[in-house]
Protein backbone atom coordinates (compact mmCIF):
# COMPACT_ATOMS: atom_id res chain seq x y z
CA MET A 1 -75.57 78.46 43.82
CA ALA A 2 -73.09 76.21 45.20
CA THR A 3 -70.22 78.11 46.98
CA LYS A 4 -66.41 76.91 46.73
CA GLN A 5 -66.79 75.31 50.04
CA ASP A 6 -70.03 73.04 49.10
CA LYS A 7 -67.72 72.02 46.10
CA ASP A 8 -64.64 71.11 47.98
CA LYS A 9 -66.91 69.18 50.67
CA ALA A 10 -68.50 67.17 47.93
CA SER A 11 -65.15 66.18 46.24
CA ALA A 12 -63.95 65.07 49.69
CA GLU A 13 -66.48 62.48 50.11
CA LEU A 14 -65.83 60.75 46.48
CA ILE A 15 -62.15 60.04 47.78
CA PRO A 16 -62.13 56.46 49.64
CA ARG A 17 -60.72 56.37 52.59
CA SER A 18 -58.19 54.37 54.14
CA PRO A 19 -59.25 52.03 56.96
CA PRO A 20 -58.42 52.89 60.37
CA PRO A 21 -55.04 51.09 61.37
CA GLN A 22 -55.07 48.14 63.48
CA GLY A 23 -52.96 46.51 66.01
CA PRO A 24 -51.06 43.18 65.68
CA PRO A 25 -53.35 40.17 65.88
CA PRO A 26 -53.54 38.24 69.09
CA PHE A 27 -50.65 35.86 69.76
CA GLU A 28 -51.22 32.19 69.31
CA PRO A 29 -48.61 29.66 70.42
CA PRO A 30 -47.69 26.99 67.71
CA PRO A 31 -49.05 23.41 68.32
CA PRO A 32 -46.53 21.20 70.44
CA PHE A 33 -44.00 19.73 68.32
CA THR A 34 -44.38 15.78 68.30
CA PRO A 35 -41.64 13.44 67.23
CA ASN A 36 -41.75 11.06 64.37
CA PRO A 37 -41.78 7.60 66.10
CA TYR A 38 -40.65 6.01 62.96
CA THR A 39 -37.23 6.42 61.83
CA ASP A 40 -36.01 5.33 58.46
CA THR A 41 -34.04 2.57 60.39
CA ASP A 42 -36.76 1.26 62.31
CA ARG A 43 -39.74 1.48 59.84
CA PRO A 44 -40.45 -1.72 58.21
CA PRO A 45 -37.99 -1.77 54.75
CA ALA A 46 -40.96 -2.92 52.58
CA TYR A 47 -42.80 -0.18 53.45
CA GLN A 48 -40.42 2.73 54.11
CA SER A 49 -41.12 4.45 50.77
CA LEU A 50 -44.72 4.19 51.14
CA THR A 51 -46.98 6.96 51.54
CA GLU A 52 -50.37 8.15 51.23
CA GLY A 53 -52.33 7.24 47.99
CA ALA A 54 -48.87 5.30 46.80
CA GLY A 55 -48.96 1.99 46.29
CA PRO A 56 -45.94 -0.56 45.99
CA ASP A 57 -44.14 -0.85 42.83
CA PRO A 58 -44.97 -4.40 41.04
CA ASP A 59 -41.33 -4.63 39.52
CA GLU A 60 -39.96 -3.92 43.03
CA MET A 61 -37.03 -6.44 43.63
CA LEU A 62 -37.78 -8.26 46.71
CA GLU A 63 -35.24 -10.23 48.78
CA PRO A 64 -35.56 -13.88 49.68
CA GLU A 65 -37.63 -14.72 52.40
CA VAL A 66 -39.36 -17.42 54.22
CA PHE A 67 -43.11 -17.26 54.51
CA VAL A 68 -45.46 -19.64 57.17
CA ILE A 69 -49.26 -19.99 57.07
CA HIS A 70 -51.27 -19.84 60.11
CA GLY A 71 -55.20 -19.95 59.62
CA ARG A 72 -55.87 -17.42 57.13
CA PHE A 73 -52.67 -15.31 57.33
CA VAL A 74 -49.29 -15.62 56.00
CA TYR A 75 -46.63 -14.49 57.85
CA PRO A 76 -42.98 -13.33 56.97
CA GLN A 77 -40.14 -15.12 58.78
CA GLY A 78 -37.17 -13.57 57.30
CA ALA A 79 -34.64 -15.32 54.88
CA ALA A 80 -33.02 -17.19 57.94
CA GLY A 81 -36.32 -18.24 59.50
CA GLY A 82 -36.65 -17.71 62.96
CA GLU A 83 -40.02 -16.22 64.78
CA ALA A 84 -42.54 -15.31 62.38
CA SER A 85 -43.62 -11.47 62.15
CA SER A 86 -46.65 -10.65 64.13
CA GLU A 87 -47.76 -8.43 60.95
CA PRO A 88 -48.99 -10.68 57.85
CA THR A 89 -48.15 -10.02 54.36
CA TYR A 90 -50.80 -12.17 52.89
CA GLN A 91 -54.46 -13.17 53.90
CA LEU A 92 -56.91 -15.86 52.56
CA SER A 93 -60.46 -15.65 52.60
CA ARG A 94 -60.79 -19.16 54.34
CA ALA A 95 -58.60 -21.20 56.17
CA ILE A 96 -57.23 -24.02 54.05
CA HIS A 97 -56.98 -26.81 56.53
CA LEU A 98 -60.77 -26.12 57.53
CA GLN A 99 -62.12 -26.53 54.01
CA GLY A 100 -63.88 -29.65 52.83
CA GLN A 101 -64.24 -31.45 49.55
CA ALA A 102 -66.87 -29.33 48.57
CA THR A 103 -65.33 -25.64 48.53
CA GLU A 104 -64.21 -24.21 45.12
CA THR A 105 -62.93 -20.60 45.71
CA ILE A 106 -60.71 -18.98 48.26
CA ALA A 107 -59.81 -14.98 47.78
CA PHE A 108 -56.18 -14.22 48.03
CA GLN A 109 -55.32 -10.62 49.16
CA ARG A 110 -51.80 -8.85 50.11
CA LEU A 111 -51.81 -6.44 52.85
CA ASP A 112 -50.34 -3.13 51.94
CA LEU A 113 -49.13 -1.12 55.02
CA ARG A 114 -50.02 2.60 54.28
CA VAL A 115 -48.08 5.77 56.09
CA ARG A 116 -51.08 8.17 56.92
CA THR A 117 -50.73 11.56 58.49
CA ALA A 118 -53.51 12.54 61.13
CA SER A 119 -55.36 15.52 61.81
CA ASP A 120 -52.75 16.82 64.28
CA GLY A 121 -49.78 15.99 61.90
CA SER A 122 -48.82 12.74 63.50
CA PRO A 123 -48.14 9.99 61.27
CA GLY A 124 -49.88 6.14 61.57
CA ILE A 125 -49.73 3.16 59.74
CA SER A 126 -52.72 1.30 58.63
CA LYS A 127 -53.37 -1.70 56.73
CA ARG A 128 -55.30 -1.98 53.18
CA ALA A 129 -56.25 -5.57 51.74
CA LYS A 130 -55.32 -5.53 48.10
CA ASP A 131 -57.02 -8.12 46.01
CA VAL A 132 -54.70 -10.38 44.34
CA TYR A 133 -56.00 -13.62 42.85
CA GLU A 134 -58.96 -15.80 43.29
CA LEU A 135 -57.95 -19.53 43.66
CA GLU A 136 -60.06 -21.96 42.17
CA HIS A 137 -60.11 -25.77 42.51
CA ARG A 138 -62.34 -28.48 41.55
CA LYS A 139 -61.89 -32.08 42.83
CA GLU A 140 -61.05 -34.94 40.59
CA LEU A 141 -64.10 -37.22 39.46
CA PRO A 142 -62.38 -40.61 38.84
CA HIS A 143 -65.59 -42.42 37.87
CA ALA A 144 -66.13 -40.09 35.11
CA GLY A 145 -62.28 -39.65 33.84
CA ILE A 146 -62.04 -35.97 35.14
CA ALA A 147 -58.83 -34.87 36.59
CA PHE A 148 -58.75 -32.17 39.25
CA GLN A 149 -58.57 -28.60 38.14
CA ALA A 150 -56.73 -25.82 39.85
CA TRP A 151 -56.23 -22.36 38.64
CA MET A 152 -55.89 -18.69 39.56
CA ALA A 153 -58.22 -15.85 38.24
CA PRO A 154 -56.07 -12.29 38.57
CA GLN A 155 -58.09 -9.65 40.39
CA SER A 156 -55.14 -7.16 39.71
CA ARG A 157 -53.18 -6.24 36.28
CA LYS A 158 -50.07 -6.29 38.71
CA THR A 159 -49.51 -10.14 38.54
CA LEU A 160 -48.65 -12.35 36.18
CA GLY A 161 -51.95 -12.86 35.04
CA ARG A 162 -54.25 -16.20 34.64
CA VAL A 163 -52.05 -19.37 35.64
CA GLU A 164 -53.46 -23.35 35.89
CA ILE A 165 -51.70 -25.81 37.36
CA GLU A 166 -51.44 -29.46 35.53
CA HIS A 167 -49.55 -32.55 35.34
CA ALA A 168 -46.31 -31.87 33.39
CA PRO A 169 -46.40 -33.30 30.19
CA LEU A 170 -44.92 -36.95 29.35
CA LEU A 171 -41.29 -37.82 30.30
CA HIS A 172 -41.29 -35.05 32.75
CA SER A 173 -42.13 -35.46 36.46
CA GLY A 174 -44.17 -33.20 38.80
CA TYR A 175 -46.60 -30.41 37.68
CA ARG A 176 -46.43 -27.02 35.91
CA ALA A 177 -48.03 -23.56 36.73
CA LEU A 178 -48.88 -22.77 33.15
CA LYS A 179 -49.35 -19.32 31.52
CA VAL A 180 -52.52 -18.53 30.27
CA LEU A 181 -53.08 -15.59 27.62
CA SER A 182 -56.19 -14.69 26.39
CA ASP A 183 -56.94 -13.79 22.68
CA ALA A 184 -56.33 -10.26 22.93
CA GLU A 185 -52.83 -10.80 25.03
CA LYS A 186 -51.65 -13.36 22.16
CA ARG A 187 -52.58 -10.86 19.38
CA TRP A 188 -50.61 -8.08 21.41
CA LEU A 189 -47.59 -9.99 21.91
CA GLU A 190 -47.55 -11.44 18.14
CA LYS A 191 -47.52 -7.63 17.01
CA GLN A 192 -44.44 -7.19 19.41
CA GLY A 193 -42.89 -9.80 17.69
CA THR A 194 -43.20 -12.50 20.22
CA LYS A 195 -43.80 -16.18 19.71
CA VAL A 196 -46.44 -17.38 21.70
CA LYS A 197 -45.61 -20.87 22.63
CA LYS A 198 -48.15 -23.66 23.80
CA GLY A 199 -46.98 -25.19 27.43
CA ASP A 200 -45.08 -22.16 28.61
CA TYR A 201 -44.95 -21.82 32.46
CA HIS A 202 -43.94 -20.16 35.13
CA PHE A 203 -43.06 -22.73 37.59
CA ALA A 204 -42.38 -26.09 38.07
CA MET A 205 -43.50 -28.34 41.24
CA LYS A 206 -41.45 -31.67 41.93
CA GLU A 207 -41.86 -33.59 45.02
CA GLN A 208 -38.45 -34.34 46.59
CA ARG A 209 -39.66 -36.73 49.50
CA ASP A 210 -42.87 -36.70 51.47
CA ASN A 211 -44.28 -33.31 52.02
CA THR A 212 -41.21 -31.14 50.39
CA TRP A 213 -41.56 -29.92 47.07
CA ARG A 214 -39.08 -28.24 44.90
CA TRP A 215 -40.46 -25.09 42.95
CA ILE A 216 -38.11 -24.63 39.57
CA ASP A 217 -38.58 -21.41 37.25
CA ALA A 218 -39.12 -21.86 33.42
CA ALA A 219 -34.95 -21.38 33.12
CA GLY A 220 -34.32 -24.29 35.64
CA LYS A 221 -33.57 -22.15 38.37
CA HIS A 222 -34.28 -23.45 41.89
CA VAL A 223 -36.37 -20.50 43.14
CA ALA A 224 -38.24 -21.77 46.30
CA THR A 225 -38.88 -24.97 48.57
CA GLN A 226 -42.35 -26.11 50.14
CA VAL A 227 -42.13 -27.86 53.20
CA ARG A 228 -45.19 -29.49 55.31
CA GLU A 229 -44.67 -30.73 59.06
CA SER A 230 -47.09 -32.81 60.70
CA PRO A 231 -49.27 -31.07 63.38
CA ALA A 232 -48.44 -31.81 67.38
CA ALA A 233 -52.04 -32.62 68.04
CA GLU A 234 -53.84 -34.95 65.85
CA ASP A 235 -56.56 -32.42 65.32
CA GLY A 236 -54.23 -29.60 64.86
CA GLU A 237 -52.93 -27.36 61.74
CA ALA A 238 -49.94 -28.53 59.83
CA GLU A 239 -47.09 -26.37 59.76
CA HIS A 240 -46.44 -25.12 55.79
CA ARG A 241 -43.20 -23.10 55.04
CA LEU A 242 -42.27 -21.79 51.75
CA ASN A 243 -38.39 -21.06 51.44
CA VAL A 244 -38.13 -18.53 48.53
CA LEU A 245 -34.54 -18.71 47.78
CA VAL A 246 -33.96 -15.80 45.41
CA PRO A 247 -34.88 -12.24 44.82
CA LEU A 248 -37.94 -11.83 42.72
CA PRO A 249 -39.98 -8.93 41.54
CA ARG A 250 -43.04 -7.88 43.67
CA ARG A 251 -45.62 -9.61 40.88
CA THR A 252 -43.64 -12.76 40.46
CA ARG A 253 -43.47 -13.27 44.37
CA ASP A 254 -47.14 -12.60 44.94
CA THR A 255 -48.15 -14.89 42.22
CA LEU A 256 -45.50 -17.40 43.50
CA VAL A 257 -46.99 -17.48 47.36
CA ALA A 258 -50.59 -17.58 45.72
CA LEU A 259 -49.67 -20.67 43.73
CA TRP A 260 -48.10 -21.90 46.96
CA CYS A 261 -51.49 -21.55 48.87
CA LEU A 262 -53.32 -23.20 45.87
CA TRP A 263 -51.19 -25.90 45.64
CA MET A 264 -51.45 -26.56 49.46
CA TRP A 265 -55.02 -26.44 49.15
CA HIS A 266 -55.20 -29.31 46.34
CA ASN A 267 -52.65 -31.39 48.72
CA HIS A 268 -55.07 -31.08 51.46
CA VAL A 269 -58.22 -32.17 49.37
CA GLU A 270 -56.16 -35.09 48.25
CA ASP A 271 -55.09 -35.69 51.92
CA THR A 272 -58.52 -35.69 53.05
CA LYS A 273 -60.60 -37.24 50.54
CA PRO A 274 -62.90 -40.15 51.64
CA LYS A 275 -61.23 -43.59 51.31
CA ARG A 276 -63.00 -45.82 48.46
CA THR A 277 -64.46 -48.95 49.98
CA TRP A 278 -64.97 -52.20 48.10
CA GLU A 279 -68.64 -51.14 47.66
CA ASP A 280 -67.71 -47.67 46.15
CA ARG A 281 -65.22 -49.79 43.43
CA LYS A 282 -68.08 -52.26 42.94
CA ARG A 283 -70.72 -49.42 42.02
CA ILE A 284 -68.15 -47.47 39.63
CA MET A 285 -67.34 -50.95 37.89
CA GLN A 286 -71.23 -51.53 37.46
CA MET A 287 -71.64 -47.92 36.16
CA PRO A 288 -72.60 -47.89 32.24
CA ARG A 289 -69.69 -47.39 30.05
CA THR A 290 -70.38 -44.86 27.03
CA TYR A 291 -68.88 -46.23 23.94
CA VAL A 292 -67.32 -43.76 21.51
CA PRO A 293 -66.57 -45.35 18.14
CA ASN A 294 -63.33 -44.27 15.93
């Protein structure tokens, strides 16, 4: 028979025991403080608000700017011109001045700067190429009666969509960058009560003098001037500049700069196409003509 002492001992074993007290954890000094090398005043203004995982606002208003192109890259010069920045804003998959008559596609990308935090807590800036447009060009085939074709296929929804360059209509000079809407876009606009007009355009390009073009929007405002200066050396690259004169939303300016590159490409194709000889003209005149009855 269990005694009272045995019962007290058994009940004591059922009570959970608290862990023995422990001393304070060993001291670990905090990591050294690393000051942020970028302040709100010296960080590039266009990228101050960017954080990791965020993208630029397509409707953000951007101030007037001058752009120059060197090789595959488009650099900002600031509204007053001056020395070009060492950090490009856009890039092309091919250098325009090196292309021959056979090239048909050039990719156009925007270079976004991203502020990232390293494992040690220090910030850093990296670049990410964002697809914006595919530039397409088909050269003129005069003997077949086919005019040049130039258009831009959007690679992002944060653009002005598909754009085609065509001659301005009768009684108008220059060229126009036309809006091209899909059937689904037309139906959606009609449901919203917006009348879709044929021939609506974003910009008109009018040549003022040799190598200078004015870019005018559909409201008649002069938004940009395109200038080309001859190269210092015979085999060098001409200097191309686009002077954006008014503030524009980011999506509009991206489209404008892409159109400028496409138009420079077309002008390069026209300037470098082989000259026709008398033999070429005679061969064209001897080609059979197709008669289409009325």
